[in-house]
Amino acid sequence: MSAKAEVFVAGLDELAAGERRIIVAEDKSIGVFNTGSRIVAVLNICPHAFAPVCLGKLGGTTLPSKPGQFIWGQENEILRCPWHGWEFDLHSGECLTDRRRLKRFPVVIRDDRIYVEV
């Protein structure tokens, strides 16, 4: 088994909440997102139809609530695929409506610099 390589993404101050960077590392396109509470990295391939999912809209979703009540949450944590609108929770990689998930990569923050382990 080969060791994982750390690939530099950006300085922590260069990726504000709600922003993303798309990098290419080891022939993989990877989206790196600042959700406001964490930095996450996912493979830029939608597990539904292989779209470039990291180009999709970043937003939120409705949370469990009482009937007739709509509570909005998870802002900057939900990624919507640009092709078919499938939505994924960036923190878990899970699709909101299906069992498929995004492939995630470990993120390392060292000396205020963001790295992805590939």
PDB file of N, CA and C in Angstrom:
ATOM      1  N   MET A   1       0.845  -1.175   0.000  1.00  0.00           N
ATOM      2  CA  MET A   1       0.000   0.000   0.000  1.00  0.00           C
ATOM      3  C   MET A   1       0.887   1.234   0.000  1.00  0.00           C
ATOM      4  N   SER A   2       0.626   2.173  -0.897  1.00  0.00           N
ATOM      5  CA  SER A   2       1.458   3.363  -0.979  1.00  0.00           C
ATOM      6  C   SER A   2       0.997   4.415   0.025  1.00  0.00           C
ATOM      7  N   ALA A   3       1.928   5.252   0.436  1.00  0.00           N
ATOM      8  CA  ALA A   3       1.618   6.319   1.376  1.00  0.00           C
ATOM      9  C   ALA A   3       0.803   7.399   0.677  1.00  0.00           C
ATOM     10  N   LYS A   4      -0.059   8.061   1.437  1.00  0.00           N
ATOM     11  CA  LYS A   4      -0.856   9.138   0.881  1.00  0.00           C
ATOM     12  C   LYS A   4       0.006  10.393   0.766  1.00  0.00           C
ATOM     13  N   ALA A   5      -0.179  11.102  -0.320  1.00  0.00           N
ATOM     14  CA  ALA A   5       0.537  12.357  -0.540  1.00  0.00           C
ATOM     15  C   ALA A   5      -0.338  13.511  -0.062  1.00  0.00           C
ATOM     16  N   GLU A   6       0.282  14.507   0.548  1.00  0.00           N
ATOM     17  CA  GLU A   6      -0.427  15.725   0.928  1.00  0.00           C
ATOM     18  C   GLU A   6      -0.249  16.740  -0.187  1.00  0.00           C
ATOM     19  N   VAL A   7      -1.371  17.247  -0.694  1.00  0.00           N
ATOM     20  CA  VAL A   7      -1.355  18.211  -1.792  1.00  0.00           C
ATOM     21  C   VAL A   7      -1.815  19.553  -1.243  1.00  0.00           C
ATOM     22  N   PHE A   8      -1.008  20.592  -1.448  1.00  0.00           N
ATOM     23  CA  PHE A   8      -1.354  21.940  -0.987  1.00  0.00           C
ATOM     24  C   PHE A   8      -2.530  22.477  -1.781  1.00  0.00           C
ATOM     25  N   VAL A   9      -3.489  23.098  -1.062  1.00  0.00           N
ATOM     26  CA  VAL A   9      -4.671  23.674  -1.699  1.00  0.00           C
ATOM     27  C   VAL A   9      -4.611  25.197  -1.673  1.00  0.00           C
ATOM     28  N   ALA A  10      -4.504  25.769  -0.474  1.00  0.00           N
ATOM     29  CA  ALA A  10      -4.515  27.225  -0.314  1.00  0.00           C
ATOM     30  C   ALA A  10      -4.216  27.552   1.141  1.00  0.00           C
ATOM     31  N   GLY A  11      -3.968  28.819   1.384  1.00  0.00           N
ATOM     32  CA  GLY A  11      -3.884  29.280   2.762  1.00  0.00           C
ATOM     33  C   GLY A  11      -5.283  29.301   3.348  1.00  0.00           C
ATOM     34  N   LEU A  12      -5.386  29.074   4.636  1.00  0.00           N
ATOM     35  CA  LEU A  12      -6.696  29.043   5.295  1.00  0.00           C
ATOM     36  C   LEU A  12      -7.446  30.357   5.086  1.00  0.00           C
ATOM     37  N   ASP A  13      -6.728  31.467   5.063  1.00  0.00           N
ATOM     38  CA  ASP A  13      -7.360  32.773   4.876  1.00  0.00           C
ATOM     39  C   ASP A  13      -7.768  33.026   3.418  1.00  0.00           C
ATOM     40  N   GLU A  14      -7.406  32.147   2.508  1.00  0.00           N
ATOM     41  CA  GLU A  14      -7.742  32.303   1.090  1.00  0.00           C
ATOM     42  C   GLU A  14      -9.020  31.562   0.700  1.00  0.00           C
ATOM     43  N   LEU A  15      -9.623  30.836   1.646  1.00  0.00           N
ATOM     44  CA  LEU A  15     -10.831  30.054   1.355  1.00  0.00           C
ATOM     45  C   LEU A  15     -11.886  30.405   2.398  1.00  0.00           C
ATOM     46  N   ALA A  16     -12.670  31.430   2.104  1.00  0.00           N
ATOM     47  CA  ALA A  16     -13.684  31.912   3.041  1.00  0.00           C
ATOM     48  C   ALA A  16     -14.871  30.952   3.099  1.00  0.00           C
ATOM     49  N   ALA A  17     -15.682  31.087   4.128  1.00  0.00           N
ATOM     50  CA  ALA A  17     -16.890  30.266   4.273  1.00  0.00           C
ATOM     51  C   ALA A  17     -17.754  30.392   3.027  1.00  0.00           C
ATOM     52  N   GLY A  18     -18.179  29.248   2.496  1.00  0.00           N
ATOM     53  CA  GLY A  18     -19.012  29.218   1.303  1.00  0.00           C
ATOM     54  C   GLY A  18     -18.232  29.185   0.006  1.00  0.00           C
ATOM     55  N   GLU A  19     -16.894  29.220   0.101  1.00  0.00           N
ATOM     56  CA  GLU A  19     -16.075  29.185  -1.107  1.00  0.00           C
ATOM     57  C   GLU A  19     -15.515  27.794  -1.343  1.00  0.00           C
ATOM     58  N   ARG A  20     -15.037  27.572  -2.566  1.00  0.00           N
ATOM     59  CA  ARG A  20     -14.461  26.286  -2.951  1.00  0.00           C
ATOM     60  C   ARG A  20     -13.248  26.518  -3.827  1.00  0.00           C
ATOM     61  N   ARG A  21     -12.418  25.508  -3.882  1.00  0.00           N
ATOM     62  CA  ARG A  21     -11.308  25.432  -4.831  1.00  0.00           C
ATOM     63  C   ARG A  21     -11.393  24.058  -5.462  1.00  0.00           C
ATOM     64  N   ILE A  22     -11.127  23.984  -6.739  1.00  0.00           N
ATOM     65  CA  ILE A  22     -11.059  22.688  -7.398  1.00  0.00           C
ATOM     66  C   ILE A  22      -9.612  22.500  -7.831  1.00  0.00           C
ATOM     67  N   ILE A  23      -9.035  21.396  -7.376  1.00  0.00           N
ATOM     68  CA  ILE A  23      -7.644  21.096  -7.668  1.00  0.00           C
ATOM     69  C   ILE A  23      -7.568  19.783  -8.439  1.00  0.00           C
ATOM     70  N   VAL A  24      -6.434  19.541  -9.052  1.00  0.00           N
ATOM     71  CA  VAL A  24      -6.177  18.249  -9.678  1.00  0.00           C
ATOM     72  C   VAL A  24      -4.972  17.664  -8.974  1.00  0.00           C
ATOM     73  N   ALA A  25      -5.146  16.463  -8.437  1.00  0.00           N
ATOM     74  CA  ALA A  25      -4.068  15.780  -7.723  1.00  0.00           C
ATOM     75  C   ALA A  25      -4.116  14.304  -8.076  1.00  0.00           C
ATOM     76  N   GLU A  26      -2.971  13.766  -8.505  1.00  0.00           N
ATOM     77  CA  GLU A  26      -2.874  12.361  -8.883  1.00  0.00           C
ATOM     78  C   GLU A  26      -3.960  11.987  -9.892  1.00  0.00           C
ATOM     79  N   ASP A  27      -4.159  12.842 -10.880  1.00  0.00           N
ATOM     80  CA  ASP A  27      -5.149  12.650 -11.949  1.00  0.00           C
ATOM     81  C   ASP A  27      -6.589  12.633 -11.456  1.00  0.00           C
ATOM     82  N   LYS A  28      -6.843  13.196 -10.269  1.00  0.00           N
ATOM     83  CA  LYS A  28      -8.202  13.274  -9.737  1.00  0.00           C
ATOM     84  C   LYS A  28      -8.592  14.744  -9.587  1.00  0.00           C
ATOM     85  N   SER A  29      -9.793  15.092 -10.015  1.00  0.00           N
ATOM     86  CA  SER A  29     -10.339  16.416  -9.779  1.00  0.00           C
ATOM     87  C   SER A  29     -11.022  16.377  -8.415  1.00  0.00           C
ATOM     88  N   ILE A  30     -10.619  17.285  -7.528  1.00  0.00           N
ATOM     89  CA  ILE A  30     -11.099  17.283  -6.143  1.00  0.00           C
ATOM     90  C   ILE A  30     -11.586  18.681  -5.785  1.00  0.00           C
ATOM     91  N   GLY A  31     -12.781  18.763  -5.237  1.00  0.00           N
ATOM     92  CA  GLY A  31     -13.323  20.026  -4.747  1.00  0.00           C
ATOM     93  C   GLY A  31     -13.035  20.158  -3.265  1.00  0.00           C
ATOM     94  N   VAL A  32     -12.516  21.316  -2.891  1.00  0.00           N
ATOM     95  CA  VAL A  32     -12.204  21.602  -1.491  1.00  0.00           C
ATOM     96  C   VAL A  32     -13.105  22.768  -1.071  1.00  0.00           C
ATOM     97  N   PHE A  33     -13.919  22.547  -0.040  1.00  0.00           N
ATOM     98  CA  PHE A  33     -14.948  23.504   0.375  1.00  0.00           C
ATOM     99  C   PHE A  33     -14.732  23.955   1.806  1.00  0.00           C
ATOM    100  N   ASN A  34     -15.007  25.227   2.059  1.00  0.00           N
ATOM    101  CA  ASN A  34     -15.082  25.732   3.428  1.00  0.00           C
ATOM    102  C   ASN A  34     -16.563  25.891   3.735  1.00  0.00           C
ATOM    103  N   THR A  35     -17.101  25.038   4.593  1.00  0.00           N
ATOM    104  CA  THR A  35     -18.525  25.094   4.917  1.00  0.00           C
ATOM    105  C   THR A  35     -18.820  26.114   6.015  1.00  0.00           C
ATOM    106  N   GLY A  36     -17.780  26.691   6.560  1.00  0.00           N
ATOM    107  CA  GLY A  36     -17.951  27.629   7.663  1.00  0.00           C
ATOM    108  C   GLY A  36     -17.578  26.999   8.989  1.00  0.00           C
ATOM    109  N   SER A  37     -17.780  25.692   9.094  1.00  0.00           N
ATOM    110  CA  SER A  37     -17.404  24.984  10.315  1.00  0.00           C
ATOM    111  C   SER A  37     -16.275  23.985  10.082  1.00  0.00           C
ATOM    112  N   ARG A  38     -16.037  23.624   8.814  1.00  0.00           N
ATOM    113  CA  ARG A  38     -14.911  22.755   8.479  1.00  0.00           C
ATOM    114  C   ARG A  38     -14.524  22.894   7.017  1.00  0.00           C
ATOM    115  N   ILE A  39     -13.347  22.376   6.748  1.00  0.00           N
ATOM    116  CA  ILE A  39     -12.869  22.288   5.372  1.00  0.00           C
ATOM    117  C   ILE A  39     -13.041  20.831   4.955  1.00  0.00           C
ATOM    118  N   VAL A  40     -13.702  20.607   3.824  1.00  0.00           N
ATOM    119  CA  VAL A  40     -13.929  19.245   3.341  1.00  0.00           C
ATOM    120  C   VAL A  40     -13.457  19.127   1.899  1.00  0.00           C
ATOM    121  N   ALA A  41     -13.081  17.913   1.518  1.00  0.00           N
ATOM    122  CA  ALA A  41     -12.627  17.645   0.154  1.00  0.00           C
ATOM    123  C   ALA A  41     -13.364  16.429  -0.386  1.00  0.00           C
ATOM    124  N   VAL A  42     -13.890  16.557  -1.614  1.00  0.00           N
ATOM    125  CA  VAL A  42     -14.631  15.462  -2.239  1.00  0.00           C
ATOM    126  C   VAL A  42     -14.191  15.307  -3.691  1.00  0.00           C
ATOM    127  N   LEU A  43     -14.288  14.076  -4.181  1.00  0.00           N
ATOM    128  CA  LEU A  43     -14.008  13.795  -5.582  1.00  0.00           C
ATOM    129  C   LEU A  43     -15.038  14.525  -6.438  1.00  0.00           C
ATOM    130  N   ASN A  44     -14.584  15.145  -7.495  1.00  0.00           N
ATOM    131  CA  ASN A  44     -15.458  15.938  -8.352  1.00  0.00           C
ATOM    132  C   ASN A  44     -16.218  15.059  -9.352  1.00  0.00           C
ATOM    133  N   ILE A  45     -16.851  14.018  -8.836  1.00  0.00           N
ATOM    134  CA  ILE A  45     -17.664  13.119  -9.663  1.00  0.00           C
ATOM    135  C   ILE A  45     -18.940  12.776  -8.891  1.00  0.00           C
ATOM    136  N   CYS A  46     -20.072  13.084  -9.482  1.00  0.00           N
ATOM    137  CA  CYS A  46     -21.348  12.726  -8.863  1.00  0.00           C
ATOM    138  C   CYS A  46     -21.552  11.217  -8.988  1.00  0.00           C
ATOM    139  N   PRO A  47     -21.875  10.532  -7.899  1.00  0.00           N
ATOM    140  CA  PRO A  47     -22.063   9.078  -7.974  1.00  0.00           C
ATOM    141  C   PRO A  47     -23.329   8.660  -8.726  1.00  0.00           C
ATOM    142  N   HIS A  48     -24.181   9.618  -9.082  1.00  0.00           N
ATOM    143  CA  HIS A  48     -25.401   9.302  -9.820  1.00  0.00           C
ATOM    144  C   HIS A  48     -25.126   9.156 -11.319  1.00  0.00           C
ATOM    145  N   ALA A  49     -24.553  10.219 -11.936  1.00  0.00           N
ATOM    146  CA  ALA A  49     -24.360  10.180 -13.392  1.00  0.00           C
ATOM    147  C   ALA A  49     -22.992  10.721 -13.804  1.00  0.00           C
ATOM    148  N   PHE A  50     -22.061  10.748 -12.856  1.00  0.00           N
ATOM    149  CA  PHE A  50     -20.665  11.107 -13.118  1.00  0.00           C
ATOM    150  C   PHE A  50     -20.468  12.553 -13.570  1.00  0.00           C
ATOM    151  N   ALA A  51     -21.344  13.436 -13.154  1.00  0.00           N
ATOM    152  CA  ALA A  51     -21.224  14.862 -13.455  1.00  0.00           C
ATOM    153  C   ALA A  51     -20.109  15.486 -12.614  1.00  0.00           C
ATOM    154  N   PRO A  52     -19.615  16.668 -13.022  1.00  0.00           N
ATOM    155  CA  PRO A  52     -18.636  17.390 -12.206  1.00  0.00           C
ATOM    156  C   PRO A  52     -19.361  18.072 -11.035  1.00  0.00           C
ATOM    157  N   VAL A  53     -19.656  17.296 -10.013  1.00  0.00           N
ATOM    158  CA  VAL A  53     -20.516  17.712  -8.914  1.00  0.00           C
ATOM    159  C   VAL A  53     -20.018  18.966  -8.194  1.00  0.00           C
ATOM    160  N   CYS A  54     -18.710  19.156  -8.148  1.00  0.00           N
ATOM    161  CA  CYS A  54     -18.151  20.293  -7.398  1.00  0.00           C
ATOM    162  C   CYS A  54     -18.413  21.639  -8.064  1.00  0.00           C
ATOM    163  N   LEU A  55     -18.954  21.612  -9.277  1.00  0.00           N
ATOM    164  CA  LEU A  55     -19.342  22.855  -9.947  1.00  0.00           C
ATOM    165  C   LEU A  55     -20.755  23.269  -9.572  1.00  0.00           C
ATOM    166  N   GLY A  56     -21.435  22.454  -8.785  1.00  0.00           N
ATOM    167  CA  GLY A  56     -22.821  22.718  -8.416  1.00  0.00           C
ATOM    168  C   GLY A  56     -22.970  23.802  -7.370  1.00  0.00           C
ATOM    169  N   LYS A  57     -24.217  24.156  -7.116  1.00  0.00           N
ATOM    170  CA  LYS A  57     -24.561  25.205  -6.154  1.00  0.00           C
ATOM    171  C   LYS A  57     -24.338  24.701  -4.728  1.00  0.00           C
ATOM    172  N   LEU A  58     -23.789  25.568  -3.913  1.00  0.00           N
ATOM    173  CA  LEU A  58     -23.590  25.280  -2.491  1.00  0.00           C
ATOM    174  C   LEU A  58     -24.675  26.030  -1.725  1.00  0.00           C
ATOM    175  N   GLY A  59     -25.387  25.329  -0.854  1.00  0.00           N
ATOM    176  CA  GLY A  59     -26.468  25.973  -0.115  1.00  0.00           C
ATOM    177  C   GLY A  59     -26.780  25.227   1.158  1.00  0.00           C
ATOM    178  N   GLY A  60     -28.069  25.221   1.504  1.00  0.00           N
ATOM    179  CA  GLY A  60     -28.535  24.562   2.711  1.00  0.00           C
ATOM    180  C   GLY A  60     -29.732  23.687   2.394  1.00  0.00           C
ATOM    181  N   THR A  61     -30.483  23.346   3.446  1.00  0.00           N
ATOM    182  CA  THR A  61     -31.661  22.498   3.265  1.00  0.00           C
ATOM    183  C   THR A  61     -32.615  22.707   4.431  1.00  0.00           C
ATOM    184  N   THR A  62     -33.834  22.200   4.287  1.00  0.00           N
ATOM    185  CA  THR A  62     -34.762  22.255   5.406  1.00  0.00           C
ATOM    186  C   THR A  62     -34.392  21.170   6.410  1.00  0.00           C
ATOM    187  N   LEU A  63     -34.554  21.490   7.670  1.00  0.00           N
ATOM    188  CA  LEU A  63     -34.231  20.562   8.748  1.00  0.00           C
ATOM    189  C   LEU A  63     -35.506  19.913   9.275  1.00  0.00           C
ATOM    190  N   PRO A  64     -35.391  18.783   9.960  1.00  0.00           N
ATOM    191  CA  PRO A  64     -36.586  18.173  10.558  1.00  0.00           C
ATOM    192  C   PRO A  64     -37.302  19.202  11.439  1.00  0.00           C
ATOM    193  N   SER A  65     -38.603  19.302  11.255  1.00  0.00           N
ATOM    194  CA  SER A  65     -39.382  20.288  12.000  1.00  0.00           C
ATOM    195  C   SER A  65     -40.830  19.842  12.095  1.00  0.00           C
ATOM    196  N   LYS A  66     -41.613  20.577  12.842  1.00  0.00           N
ATOM    197  CA  LYS A  66     -43.026  20.257  13.042  1.00  0.00           C
ATOM    198  C   LYS A  66     -43.803  20.476  11.744  1.00  0.00           C
ATOM    199  N   PRO A  67     -44.951  19.789  11.571  1.00  0.00           N
ATOM    200  CA  PRO A  67     -45.771  19.978  10.373  1.00  0.00           C
ATOM    201  C   PRO A  67     -46.112  21.458  10.173  1.00  0.00           C
ATOM    202  N   GLY A  68     -45.977  21.927   8.932  1.00  0.00           N
ATOM    203  CA  GLY A  68     -46.280  23.312   8.612  1.00  0.00           C
ATOM    204  C   GLY A  68     -45.158  24.281   8.949  1.00  0.00           C
ATOM    205  N   GLN A  69     -44.092  23.765   9.518  1.00  0.00           N
ATOM    206  CA  GLN A  69     -42.968  24.622   9.906  1.00  0.00           C
ATOM    207  C   GLN A  69     -41.760  24.249   9.041  1.00  0.00           C
ATOM    208  N   PHE A  70     -41.059  25.245   8.557  1.00  0.00           N
ATOM    209  CA  PHE A  70     -39.887  25.005   7.735  1.00  0.00           C
ATOM    210  C   PHE A  70     -38.689  25.710   8.361  1.00  0.00           C
ATOM    211  N   ILE A  71     -37.751  24.921   8.839  1.00  0.00           N
ATOM    212  CA  ILE A  71     -36.544  25.478   9.446  1.00  0.00           C
ATOM    213  C   ILE A  71     -35.382  25.229   8.486  1.00  0.00           C
ATOM    214  N   TRP A  72     -34.727  26.311   8.103  1.00  0.00           N
ATOM    215  CA  TRP A  72     -33.613  26.222   7.159  1.00  0.00           C
ATOM    216  C   TRP A  72     -32.314  26.053   7.930  1.00  0.00           C
ATOM    217  N   GLY A  73     -31.420  25.216   7.419  1.00  0.00           N
ATOM    218  CA  GLY A  73     -30.141  25.019   8.093  1.00  0.00           C
ATOM    219  C   GLY A  73     -29.105  24.426   7.167  1.00  0.00           C
ATOM    220  N   GLN A  74     -27.971  24.099   7.741  1.00  0.00           N
ATOM    221  CA  GLN A  74     -26.837  23.504   7.034  1.00  0.00           C
ATOM    222  C   GLN A  74     -26.355  24.353   5.866  1.00  0.00           C
ATOM    223  N   GLU A  75     -26.461  25.683   6.002  1.00  0.00           N
ATOM    224  CA  GLU A  75     -25.996  26.583   4.949  1.00  0.00           C
ATOM    225  C   GLU A  75     -24.522  26.322   4.648  1.00  0.00           C
ATOM    226  N   ASN A  76     -24.171  26.284   3.380  1.00  0.00           N
ATOM    227  CA  ASN A  76     -22.818  25.990   2.872  1.00  0.00           C
ATOM    228  C   ASN A  76     -22.390  24.540   3.084  1.00  0.00           C
ATOM    229  N   GLU A  77     -23.306  23.669   3.489  1.00  0.00           N
ATOM    230  CA  GLU A  77     -22.972  22.262   3.728  1.00  0.00           C
ATOM    231  C   GLU A  77     -23.608  21.331   2.697  1.00  0.00           C
ATOM    232  N   ILE A  78     -24.535  21.831   1.897  1.00  0.00           N
ATOM    233  CA  ILE A  78     -25.253  21.002   0.934  1.00  0.00           C
ATOM    234  C   ILE A  78     -24.809  21.389  -0.472  1.00  0.00           C
ATOM    235  N   LEU A  79     -24.307  20.396  -1.214  1.00  0.00           N
ATOM    236  CA  LEU A  79     -23.847  20.602  -2.582  1.00  0.00           C
ATOM    237  C   LEU A  79     -24.858  19.980  -3.530  1.00  0.00           C
ATOM    238  N   ARG A  80     -25.337  20.787  -4.488  1.00  0.00           N
ATOM    239  CA  ARG A  80     -26.323  20.301  -5.459  1.00  0.00           C
ATOM    240  C   ARG A  80     -25.633  20.069  -6.796  1.00  0.00           C
ATOM    241  N   CYS A  81     -25.756  18.854  -7.320  1.00  0.00           N
ATOM    242  CA  CYS A  81     -25.147  18.499  -8.594  1.00  0.00           C
ATOM    243  C   CYS A  81     -25.718  19.376  -9.713  1.00  0.00           C
ATOM    244  N   PRO A  82     -24.861  19.913 -10.578  1.00  0.00           N
ATOM    245  CA  PRO A  82     -25.357  20.797 -11.634  1.00  0.00           C
ATOM    246  C   PRO A  82     -26.148  20.094 -12.735  1.00  0.00           C
ATOM    247  N   TRP A  83     -26.038  18.784 -12.862  1.00  0.00           N
ATOM    248  CA  TRP A  83     -26.745  18.096 -13.932  1.00  0.00           C
ATOM    249  C   TRP A  83     -28.170  17.726 -13.569  1.00  0.00           C
ATOM    250  N   HIS A  84     -28.387  17.074 -12.451  1.00  0.00           N
ATOM    251  CA  HIS A  84     -29.716  16.566 -12.118  1.00  0.00           C
ATOM    252  C   HIS A  84     -30.248  17.039 -10.770  1.00  0.00           C
ATOM    253  N   GLY A  85     -29.485  17.879 -10.085  1.00  0.00           N
ATOM    254  CA  GLY A  85     -29.966  18.465  -8.843  1.00  0.00           C
ATOM    255  C   GLY A  85     -29.854  17.583  -7.612  1.00  0.00           C
ATOM    256  N   TRP A  86     -29.181  16.447  -7.714  1.00  0.00           N
ATOM    257  CA  TRP A  86     -29.014  15.617  -6.534  1.00  0.00           C
ATOM    258  C   TRP A  86     -28.247  16.411  -5.483  1.00  0.00           C
ATOM    259  N   GLU A  87     -28.652  16.275  -4.223  1.00  0.00           N
ATOM    260  CA  GLU A  87     -28.036  17.051  -3.146  1.00  0.00           C
ATOM    261  C   GLU A  87     -27.262  16.129  -2.205  1.00  0.00           C
ATOM    262  N   PHE A  88     -26.081  16.621  -1.802  1.00  0.00           N
ATOM    263  CA  PHE A  88     -25.183  15.853  -0.946  1.00  0.00           C
ATOM    264  C   PHE A  88     -24.754  16.691   0.255  1.00  0.00           C
ATOM    265  N   ASP A  89     -24.715  16.044   1.411  1.00  0.00           N
ATOM    266  CA  ASP A  89     -24.193  16.665   2.624  1.00  0.00           C
ATOM    267  C   ASP A  89     -22.673  16.571   2.568  1.00  0.00           C
ATOM    268  N   LEU A  90     -21.997  17.703   2.494  1.00  0.00           N
ATOM    269  CA  LEU A  90     -20.544  17.683   2.373  1.00  0.00           C
ATOM    270  C   LEU A  90     -19.861  17.104   3.607  1.00  0.00           C
ATOM    271  N   HIS A  91     -20.455  17.262   4.786  1.00  0.00           N
ATOM    272  CA  HIS A  91     -19.815  16.760   6.002  1.00  0.00           C
ATOM    273  C   HIS A  91     -19.808  15.236   6.067  1.00  0.00           C
ATOM    274  N   SER A  92     -20.831  14.598   5.537  1.00  0.00           N
ATOM    275  CA  SER A  92     -20.901  13.133   5.593  1.00  0.00           C
ATOM    276  C   SER A  92     -20.669  12.487   4.223  1.00  0.00           C
ATOM    277  N   GLY A  93     -20.876  13.251   3.162  1.00  0.00           N
ATOM    278  CA  GLY A  93     -20.801  12.708   1.807  1.00  0.00           C
ATOM    279  C   GLY A  93     -22.103  12.079   1.353  1.00  0.00           C
ATOM    280  N   GLU A  94     -23.081  11.962   2.241  1.00  0.00           N
ATOM    281  CA  GLU A  94     -24.333  11.271   1.934  1.00  0.00           C
ATOM    282  C   GLU A  94     -25.244  12.098   1.033  1.00  0.00           C
ATOM    283  N   CYS A  95     -25.923  11.393   0.124  1.00  0.00           N
ATOM    284  CA  CYS A  95     -26.973  12.000  -0.680  1.00  0.00           C
ATOM    285  C   CYS A  95     -28.189  12.186   0.221  1.00  0.00           C
ATOM    286  N   LEU A  96     -28.924  13.276   0.036  1.00  0.00           N
ATOM    287  CA  LEU A  96     -30.093  13.525   0.881  1.00  0.00           C
ATOM    288  C   LEU A  96     -31.277  12.643   0.531  1.00  0.00           C
ATOM    289  N   THR A  97     -31.269  12.017  -0.673  1.00  0.00           N
ATOM    290  CA  THR A  97     -32.434  11.237  -1.108  1.00  0.00           C
ATOM    291  C   THR A  97     -32.105   9.839  -1.591  1.00  0.00           C
ATOM    292  N   ASP A  98     -30.872   9.415  -1.481  1.00  0.00           N
ATOM    293  CA  ASP A  98     -30.456   8.139  -2.040  1.00  0.00           C
ATOM    294  C   ASP A  98     -29.345   7.579  -1.150  1.00  0.00           C
ATOM    295  N   ARG A  99     -28.940   6.359  -1.403  1.00  0.00           N
ATOM    296  CA  ARG A  99     -27.873   5.744  -0.597  1.00  0.00           C
ATOM    297  C   ARG A  99     -26.472   6.037  -1.129  1.00  0.00           C
ATOM    298  N   ARG A 100     -26.387   6.646  -2.283  1.00  0.00           N
ATOM    299  CA  ARG A 100     -25.061   6.940  -2.842  1.00  0.00           C
ATOM    300  C   ARG A 100     -24.389   8.051  -2.052  1.00  0.00           C
ATOM    301  N   ARG A 101     -23.050   8.069  -2.130  1.00  0.00           N
ATOM    302  CA  ARG A 101     -22.298   9.080  -1.393  1.00  0.00           C
ATOM    303  C   ARG A 101     -21.144   9.604  -2.221  1.00  0.00           C
ATOM    304  N   LEU A 102     -20.730  10.794  -1.861  1.00  0.00           N
ATOM    305  CA  LEU A 102     -19.545  11.373  -2.468  1.00  0.00           C
ATOM    306  C   LEU A 102     -18.313  10.719  -1.872  1.00  0.00           C
ATOM    307  N   LYS A 103     -17.270  10.569  -2.667  1.00  0.00           N
ATOM    308  CA  LYS A 103     -15.994  10.086  -2.143  1.00  0.00           C
ATOM    309  C   LYS A 103     -15.295  11.283  -1.509  1.00  0.00           C
ATOM    310  N   ARG A 104     -14.926  11.128  -0.244  1.00  0.00           N
ATOM    311  CA  ARG A 104     -14.266  12.207   0.493  1.00  0.00           C
ATOM    312  C   ARG A 104     -12.789  11.901   0.685  1.00  0.00           C
ATOM    313  N   PHE A 105     -12.021  12.947   0.879  1.00  0.00           N
ATOM    314  CA  PHE A 105     -10.590  12.844   1.123  1.00  0.00           C
ATOM    315  C   PHE A 105     -10.261  13.524   2.441  1.00  0.00           C
ATOM    316  N   PRO A 106      -9.291  12.988   3.181  1.00  0.00           N
ATOM    317  CA  PRO A 106      -8.877  13.642   4.428  1.00  0.00           C
ATOM    318  C   PRO A 106      -8.258  15.015   4.144  1.00  0.00           C
ATOM    319  N   VAL A 107      -8.551  15.955   5.013  1.00  0.00           N
ATOM    320  CA  VAL A 107      -7.998  17.307   4.925  1.00  0.00           C
ATOM    321  C   VAL A 107      -7.097  17.524   6.134  1.00  0.00           C
ATOM    322  N   VAL A 108      -5.945  18.126   5.895  1.00  0.00           N
ATOM    323  CA  VAL A 108      -5.000  18.457   6.959  1.00  0.00           C
ATOM    324  C   VAL A 108      -4.800  19.966   6.935  1.00  0.00           C
ATOM    325  N   ILE A 109      -4.909  20.593   8.100  1.00  0.00           N
ATOM    326  CA  ILE A 109      -4.600  22.018   8.215  1.00  0.00           C
ATOM    327  C   ILE A 109      -3.380  22.135   9.113  1.00  0.00           C
ATOM    328  N   ARG A 110      -2.341  22.695   8.524  1.00  0.00           N
ATOM    329  CA  ARG A 110      -1.079  22.835   9.256  1.00  0.00           C
ATOM    330  C   ARG A 110      -0.498  24.204   8.931  1.00  0.00           C
ATOM    331  N   ASP A 111      -0.137  24.952   9.973  1.00  0.00           N
ATOM    332  CA  ASP A 111       0.449  26.282   9.793  1.00  0.00           C
ATOM    333  C   ASP A 111      -0.449  27.178   8.936  1.00  0.00           C
ATOM    334  N   ASP A 112      -1.772  27.115   9.187  1.00  0.00           N
ATOM    335  CA  ASP A 112      -2.765  27.900   8.451  1.00  0.00           C
ATOM    336  C   ASP A 112      -2.753  27.640   6.949  1.00  0.00           C
ATOM    337  N   ARG A 113      -2.383  26.440   6.562  1.00  0.00           N
ATOM    338  CA  ARG A 113      -2.380  26.027   5.155  1.00  0.00           C
ATOM    339  C   ARG A 113      -3.223  24.768   5.028  1.00  0.00           C
ATOM    340  N   ILE A 114      -3.985  24.668   3.958  1.00  0.00           N
ATOM    341  CA  ILE A 114      -4.888  23.540   3.722  1.00  0.00           C
ATOM    342  C   ILE A 114      -4.219  22.547   2.773  1.00  0.00           C
ATOM    343  N   TYR A 115      -4.239  21.265   3.181  1.00  0.00           N
ATOM    344  CA  TYR A 115      -3.711  20.178   2.362  1.00  0.00           C
ATOM    345  C   TYR A 115      -4.770  19.094   2.251  1.00  0.00           C
ATOM    346  N   VAL A 116      -4.787  18.377   1.140  1.00  0.00           N
ATOM    347  CA  VAL A 116      -5.662  17.219   0.954  1.00  0.00           C
ATOM    348  C   VAL A 116      -4.775  16.003   0.834  1.00  0.00           C
ATOM    349  N   GLU A 117      -5.139  14.928   1.540  1.00  0.00           N
ATOM    350  CA  GLU A 117      -4.411  13.668   1.426  1.00  0.00           C
ATOM    351  C   GLU A 117      -5.000  12.850   0.286  1.00  0.00           C
ATOM    352  N   VAL A 118      -4.153  12.511  -0.684  1.00  0.00           N
ATOM    353  CA  VAL A 118      -4.609  11.757  -1.860  1.00  0.00           C
ATOM    354  C   VAL A 118      -3.880  10.444  -1.908  1.00  0.00           C
TER     355      VAL A 118
END
